[in-house]
Amino acid sequence: MQPIMQPKAAREMHFDGVHCDLKVQRFAGGVVILTISGTDIGEFGGAPMEELKDCLACCDPIHLFIDARDTRGASIEVSGEWAEWLRANKADIRSISMLTGSRFVEVTAGFVRRFAALQGIMRIYTEPAVFDAALAESLARSD
């Protein structure tokens, strides 16, 4: 698969752990990409959510893209924490597009969408090419 060409992020933060790696990238035009790989067991505490909160503070409602194609899963506690955070901050999020890499992560994303009442703004993708095209279009519009 050919990676999509992205403009340089205005801000980028990495969280590297034993079980999971996360990256938060903020681009012009309110596009934010959260990339997760491995298994999110909460080893970073609330730091990724604080980084996303900083992204919300500097922009109009953001377009949040969550690339979880290389994610094996998240603990129930972590999924619940993300759902609560998204619910509490949904007024500052214009749209959420999430790519899942497995059926387990897809089911977890569906739970988060329902629990956080995000049905109107959260789209779950299972095809990387479709997600990548949506992300490329959003980045192009934000230039």
C-alpha atoms as a PDB file:
ATOM      1  CA  MET A   1       0.000   0.000   0.000  1.00  0.00           C
ATOM      2  CA  GLN A   2       1.294   3.453  -0.950  1.00  0.00           C
ATOM      3  CA  PRO A   3       1.153   5.924   1.985  1.00  0.00           C
ATOM      4  CA  ILE A   4      -0.730   9.122   1.279  1.00  0.00           C
ATOM      5  CA  MET A   5       1.285  12.281   0.977  1.00  0.00           C
ATOM      6  CA  GLN A   6       0.519  14.600   3.868  1.00  0.00           C
ATOM      7  CA  PRO A   7       1.483  18.202   4.412  1.00  0.00           C
ATOM      8  CA  LYS A   8       3.786  18.877   7.337  1.00  0.00           C
ATOM      9  CA  ALA A   9       1.933  18.743  10.647  1.00  0.00           C
ATOM     10  CA  ALA A  10       1.699  22.029  12.523  1.00  0.00           C
ATOM     11  CA  ARG A  11       2.247  20.020  15.694  1.00  0.00           C
ATOM     12  CA  GLU A  12       3.093  16.380  16.302  1.00  0.00           C
ATOM     13  CA  MET A  13       3.337  14.451  19.564  1.00  0.00           C
ATOM     14  CA  HIS A  14       4.456  10.821  19.982  1.00  0.00           C
ATOM     15  CA  PHE A  15       3.693   8.473  22.858  1.00  0.00           C
ATOM     16  CA  ASP A  16       5.839   5.338  22.674  1.00  0.00           C
ATOM     17  CA  GLY A  17       5.126   2.521  25.098  1.00  0.00           C
ATOM     18  CA  VAL A  18       5.704  -1.147  25.698  1.00  0.00           C
ATOM     19  CA  HIS A  19       2.275  -2.252  24.446  1.00  0.00           C
ATOM     20  CA  CYS A  20       1.128   0.668  22.334  1.00  0.00           C
ATOM     21  CA  ASP A  21       2.333   3.635  20.313  1.00  0.00           C
ATOM     22  CA  LEU A  22       0.198   6.724  19.701  1.00  0.00           C
ATOM     23  CA  LYS A  23       0.832   9.747  17.544  1.00  0.00           C
ATOM     24  CA  VAL A  24      -1.236  12.950  17.448  1.00  0.00           C
ATOM     25  CA  GLN A  25      -0.766  15.222  14.455  1.00  0.00           C
ATOM     26  CA  ARG A  26      -2.477  18.583  14.064  1.00  0.00           C
ATOM     27  CA  PHE A  27      -2.726  20.114  10.597  1.00  0.00           C
ATOM     28  CA  ALA A  28      -3.977  23.434   9.299  1.00  0.00           C
ATOM     29  CA  GLY A  29      -7.713  23.691   8.809  1.00  0.00           C
ATOM     30  CA  GLY A  30      -8.594  21.741  11.942  1.00  0.00           C
ATOM     31  CA  VAL A  31      -7.563  18.271  10.752  1.00  0.00           C
ATOM     32  CA  VAL A  32      -6.189  16.077  13.546  1.00  0.00           C
ATOM     33  CA  ILE A  33      -4.890  12.544  13.072  1.00  0.00           C
ATOM     34  CA  LEU A  34      -4.607  10.110  15.975  1.00  0.00           C
ATOM     35  CA  THR A  35      -2.609   7.024  14.969  1.00  0.00           C
ATOM     36  CA  ILE A  36      -2.705   4.051  17.323  1.00  0.00           C
ATOM     37  CA  SER A  37      -0.747   0.800  17.010  1.00  0.00           C
ATOM     38  CA  GLY A  38      -0.470  -2.149  19.352  1.00  0.00           C
ATOM     39  CA  THR A  39      -2.788  -2.710  22.304  1.00  0.00           C
ATOM     40  CA  ASP A  40      -3.952   0.348  24.229  1.00  0.00           C
ATOM     41  CA  ILE A  41      -3.994  -0.660  27.887  1.00  0.00           C
ATOM     42  CA  GLY A  42      -3.794   2.891  29.186  1.00  0.00           C
ATOM     43  CA  GLU A  43      -0.047   3.057  29.764  1.00  0.00           C
ATOM     44  CA  PHE A  44       0.008   6.776  28.834  1.00  0.00           C
ATOM     45  CA  GLY A  45      -2.731   7.753  31.275  1.00  0.00           C
ATOM     46  CA  GLY A  46      -4.585  10.874  30.175  1.00  0.00           C
ATOM     47  CA  ALA A  47      -1.650  12.377  28.222  1.00  0.00           C
ATOM     48  CA  PRO A  48      -3.016  11.611  24.711  1.00  0.00           C
ATOM     49  CA  MET A  49      -6.394  13.074  25.673  1.00  0.00           C
ATOM     50  CA  GLU A  50      -4.682  16.200  27.012  1.00  0.00           C
ATOM     51  CA  GLU A  51      -2.802  16.533  23.727  1.00  0.00           C
ATOM     52  CA  LEU A  52      -6.082  16.256  21.826  1.00  0.00           C
ATOM     53  CA  LYS A  53      -7.635  18.796  24.197  1.00  0.00           C
ATOM     54  CA  ASP A  54      -4.854  21.212  23.199  1.00  0.00           C
ATOM     55  CA  CYS A  55      -5.798  20.602  19.548  1.00  0.00           C
ATOM     56  CA  LEU A  56      -9.417  21.457  20.345  1.00  0.00           C
ATOM     57  CA  ALA A  57      -8.422  24.677  22.098  1.00  0.00           C
ATOM     58  CA  CYS A  58      -6.638  26.148  19.100  1.00  0.00           C
ATOM     59  CA  CYS A  59      -9.161  25.494  16.353  1.00  0.00           C
ATOM     60  CA  ASP A  60     -12.792  25.627  15.389  1.00  0.00           C
ATOM     61  CA  PRO A  61     -14.411  22.203  15.643  1.00  0.00           C
ATOM     62  CA  ILE A  62     -11.895  19.701  14.329  1.00  0.00           C
ATOM     63  CA  HIS A  63     -12.065  16.817  11.887  1.00  0.00           C
ATOM     64  CA  LEU A  64     -10.610  13.902  13.873  1.00  0.00           C
ATOM     65  CA  PHE A  65      -9.167  10.956  11.954  1.00  0.00           C
ATOM     66  CA  ILE A  66      -8.312   7.888  14.039  1.00  0.00           C
ATOM     67  CA  ASP A  67      -6.041   5.446  12.237  1.00  0.00           C
ATOM     68  CA  ALA A  68      -6.312   2.178  14.148  1.00  0.00           C
ATOM     69  CA  ARG A  69      -5.379  -0.127  11.262  1.00  0.00           C
ATOM     70  CA  ASP A  70      -2.450  -1.513  13.307  1.00  0.00           C
ATOM     71  CA  THR A  71      -4.316  -1.683  16.610  1.00  0.00           C
ATOM     72  CA  ARG A  72      -4.905  -5.081  18.149  1.00  0.00           C
ATOM     73  CA  GLY A  73      -7.346  -3.744  20.705  1.00  0.00           C
ATOM     74  CA  ALA A  74      -7.959  -1.641  23.763  1.00  0.00           C
ATOM     75  CA  SER A  75      -8.882  -2.640  27.283  1.00  0.00           C
ATOM     76  CA  ILE A  76     -12.479  -2.138  28.370  1.00  0.00           C
ATOM     77  CA  GLU A  77     -11.346   0.584  30.748  1.00  0.00           C
ATOM     78  CA  VAL A  78      -9.458   2.448  28.020  1.00  0.00           C
ATOM     79  CA  SER A  79     -12.366   2.153  25.570  1.00  0.00           C
ATOM     80  CA  GLY A  80     -14.658   3.567  28.243  1.00  0.00           C
ATOM     81  CA  GLU A  81     -12.269   6.448  28.954  1.00  0.00           C
ATOM     82  CA  TRP A  82     -12.059   7.337  25.251  1.00  0.00           C
ATOM     83  CA  ALA A  83     -15.854   7.168  24.959  1.00  0.00           C
ATOM     84  CA  GLU A  84     -16.265   9.491  27.940  1.00  0.00           C
ATOM     85  CA  TRP A  85     -13.661  11.917  26.592  1.00  0.00           C
ATOM     86  CA  LEU A  86     -15.259  12.008  23.143  1.00  0.00           C
ATOM     87  CA  ARG A  87     -18.720  12.499  24.648  1.00  0.00           C
ATOM     88  CA  ALA A  88     -17.488  15.374  26.837  1.00  0.00           C
ATOM     89  CA  ASN A  89     -15.732  17.068  23.911  1.00  0.00           C
ATOM     90  CA  LYS A  90     -18.054  16.307  20.997  1.00  0.00           C
ATOM     91  CA  ALA A  91     -19.172  19.948  20.685  1.00  0.00           C
ATOM     92  CA  ASP A  92     -15.596  20.730  19.595  1.00  0.00           C
ATOM     93  CA  ILE A  93     -15.444  17.888  17.055  1.00  0.00           C
ATOM     94  CA  ARG A  94     -17.009  18.384  13.621  1.00  0.00           C
ATOM     95  CA  SER A  95     -16.448  14.805  12.450  1.00  0.00           C
ATOM     96  CA  ILE A  96     -14.703  11.586  13.463  1.00  0.00           C
ATOM     97  CA  SER A  97     -13.445   9.091  10.903  1.00  0.00           C
ATOM     98  CA  MET A  98     -11.992   5.883  12.333  1.00  0.00           C
ATOM     99  CA  LEU A  99     -10.215   3.123  10.434  1.00  0.00           C
ATOM    100  CA  THR A 100     -10.283  -0.247  12.155  1.00  0.00           C
ATOM    101  CA  GLY A 101      -7.910  -3.074  11.357  1.00  0.00           C
ATOM    102  CA  SER A 102      -9.856  -5.966  12.866  1.00  0.00           C
ATOM    103  CA  ARG A 103     -13.404  -7.006  13.653  1.00  0.00           C
ATOM    104  CA  PHE A 104     -12.662  -6.679  17.389  1.00  0.00           C
ATOM    105  CA  VAL A 105     -11.568  -3.044  17.013  1.00  0.00           C
ATOM    106  CA  GLU A 106     -14.581  -2.386  14.769  1.00  0.00           C
ATOM    107  CA  VAL A 107     -16.950  -3.692  17.467  1.00  0.00           C
ATOM    108  CA  THR A 108     -15.146  -1.607  20.101  1.00  0.00           C
ATOM    109  CA  ALA A 109     -15.453   1.502  17.889  1.00  0.00           C
ATOM    110  CA  GLY A 110     -19.178   0.833  17.524  1.00  0.00           C
ATOM    111  CA  PHE A 111     -19.504   0.676  21.303  1.00  0.00           C
ATOM    112  CA  VAL A 112     -17.653   3.986  21.679  1.00  0.00           C
ATOM    113  CA  ARG A 113     -19.849   5.589  19.005  1.00  0.00           C
ATOM    114  CA  ARG A 114     -23.056   4.488  20.751  1.00  0.00           C
ATOM    115  CA  PHE A 115     -21.908   5.246  24.302  1.00  0.00           C
ATOM    116  CA  ALA A 116     -20.625   8.716  23.393  1.00  0.00           C
ATOM    117  CA  ALA A 117     -23.734   9.471  21.274  1.00  0.00           C
ATOM    118  CA  LEU A 118     -21.608  10.123  18.186  1.00  0.00           C
ATOM    119  CA  GLN A 119     -23.876   8.471  15.618  1.00  0.00           C
ATOM    120  CA  GLY A 120     -24.293  11.697  13.650  1.00  0.00           C
ATOM    121  CA  ILE A 121     -20.601  12.586  13.432  1.00  0.00           C
ATOM    122  CA  MET A 122     -18.580   9.330  13.642  1.00  0.00           C
ATOM    123  CA  ARG A 123     -17.927   7.120  10.655  1.00  0.00           C
ATOM    124  CA  ILE A 124     -16.189   3.755  11.028  1.00  0.00           C
ATOM    125  CA  TYR A 125     -14.094   2.555   8.083  1.00  0.00           C
ATOM    126  CA  THR A 126     -12.884  -0.996   7.464  1.00  0.00           C
ATOM    127  CA  GLU A 127     -11.198  -0.321   4.100  1.00  0.00           C
ATOM    128  CA  PRO A 128      -7.863   1.527   4.346  1.00  0.00           C
ATOM    129  CA  ALA A 129      -8.090   2.938   0.804  1.00  0.00           C
ATOM    130  CA  VAL A 130     -11.463   4.564   1.513  1.00  0.00           C
ATOM    131  CA  PHE A 131     -10.221   6.028   4.820  1.00  0.00           C
ATOM    132  CA  ASP A 132      -7.001   7.266   3.191  1.00  0.00           C
ATOM    133  CA  ALA A 133      -9.001   8.945   0.406  1.00  0.00           C
ATOM    134  CA  ALA A 134     -11.265  10.704   2.930  1.00  0.00           C
ATOM    135  CA  LEU A 135      -8.219  11.870   4.879  1.00  0.00           C
ATOM    136  CA  ALA A 136      -6.436  13.097   1.722  1.00  0.00           C
ATOM    137  CA  GLU A 137      -9.567  15.020   0.688  1.00  0.00           C
ATOM    138  CA  SER A 138      -9.869  16.634   4.109  1.00  0.00           C
ATOM    139  CA  LEU A 139      -6.184  17.613   4.114  1.00  0.00           C
ATOM    140  CA  ALA A 140      -6.500  19.066   0.598  1.00  0.00           C
ATOM    141  CA  ARG A 141      -9.511  21.167   1.643  1.00  0.00           C
ATOM    142  CA  SER A 142      -7.620  22.466   4.672  1.00  0.00           C
ATOM    143  CA  ASP A 143      -4.735  23.947   2.638  1.00  0.00           C
END
